[in-house]
Amino acid sequence: MTMKLTRLCIYPKDVQRITGKSEKASRRLLHRIKASLGKQEHQFITTDEFASHTGIKEELVLQYITD
């Protein structure tokens, strides 16, 4: 049996697809999420963290980043 792997990290392009915001606005949103979570600049935002911060269900987020 093979298991389908999905990405765990959210990138600005994913935020653009999900929210319809520009790339710059998407980067700002990810930066604000990192700041609120106390993450350092080199650390990633996970799909779970993004979903809980924005209020979007994680299943929907995963649908948009799967490609």
Protein backbone atom coordinates (compact mmCIF):
# COMPACT_ATOMS: atom_id res chain seq x y z
CA MET A 1 0.00 0.00 0.00
CA THR A 2 1.20 3.45 -0.81
CA MET A 3 0.32 6.48 1.22
CA LYS A 4 -0.34 9.77 -0.52
CA LEU A 5 1.88 12.45 0.92
CA THR A 6 0.71 16.04 1.08
CA ARG A 7 2.69 19.14 1.82
CA LEU A 8 2.65 20.44 5.37
CA CYS A 9 3.95 23.94 4.70
CA ILE A 10 2.07 26.94 3.36
CA TYR A 11 3.74 29.30 0.88
CA PRO A 12 2.62 32.72 -0.38
CA LYS A 13 1.40 31.19 -3.66
CA ASP A 14 -0.90 28.88 -1.67
CA VAL A 15 -2.27 31.84 0.29
CA GLN A 16 -2.94 33.60 -3.03
CA ARG A 17 -4.94 30.62 -4.30
CA ILE A 18 -6.91 30.29 -1.08
CA THR A 19 -7.66 33.95 -0.36
CA GLY A 20 -7.37 35.68 -3.73
CA LYS A 21 -4.95 38.20 -2.22
CA SER A 22 -1.87 39.55 -3.97
CA GLU A 23 1.55 38.01 -3.40
CA LYS A 24 2.62 40.90 -1.17
CA ALA A 25 -0.54 40.67 0.95
CA SER A 26 -0.03 36.90 1.20
CA ARG A 27 3.52 37.38 2.43
CA ARG A 28 2.32 39.91 5.00
CA LEU A 29 -0.33 37.49 6.24
CA LEU A 30 2.22 34.69 6.66
CA HIS A 31 4.53 37.13 8.45
CA ARG A 32 1.73 38.11 10.86
CA ILE A 33 0.92 34.45 11.52
CA LYS A 34 4.59 33.74 12.29
CA ALA A 35 4.73 36.72 14.66
CA SER A 36 1.57 35.66 16.48
CA LEU A 37 2.92 32.13 16.90
CA GLY A 38 6.34 33.37 18.03
CA LYS A 39 8.13 31.67 15.17
CA GLN A 40 11.47 32.79 13.78
CA GLU A 41 11.85 34.01 10.20
CA HIS A 42 13.34 30.71 8.93
CA GLN A 43 10.51 28.57 10.35
CA PHE A 44 7.56 27.43 8.27
CA ILE A 45 3.81 27.80 8.76
CA THR A 46 1.94 24.48 8.66
CA THR A 47 -1.45 23.89 7.11
CA ASP A 48 -2.89 23.34 10.59
CA GLU A 49 -1.50 26.64 11.90
CA PHE A 50 -2.74 28.53 8.84
CA ALA A 51 -6.20 26.98 9.12
CA SER A 52 -6.58 27.75 12.81
CA HIS A 53 -5.34 31.33 12.38
CA THR A 54 -7.62 32.13 9.42
CA GLY A 55 -10.63 30.12 10.52
CA ILE A 56 -10.65 28.10 7.29
CA LYS A 57 -11.13 24.35 7.69
CA GLU A 58 -7.90 22.42 7.22
CA GLU A 59 -9.56 20.08 4.70
CA LEU A 60 -10.29 23.06 2.44
CA VAL A 61 -6.75 24.36 2.80
CA LEU A 62 -5.36 20.95 1.82
CA GLN A 63 -7.58 20.88 -1.28
CA TYR A 64 -6.11 24.14 -2.49
CA ILE A 65 -2.46 23.24 -1.94
CA THR A 66 -2.68 19.78 -3.46
CA ASP A 67 -1.25 19.94 -6.96
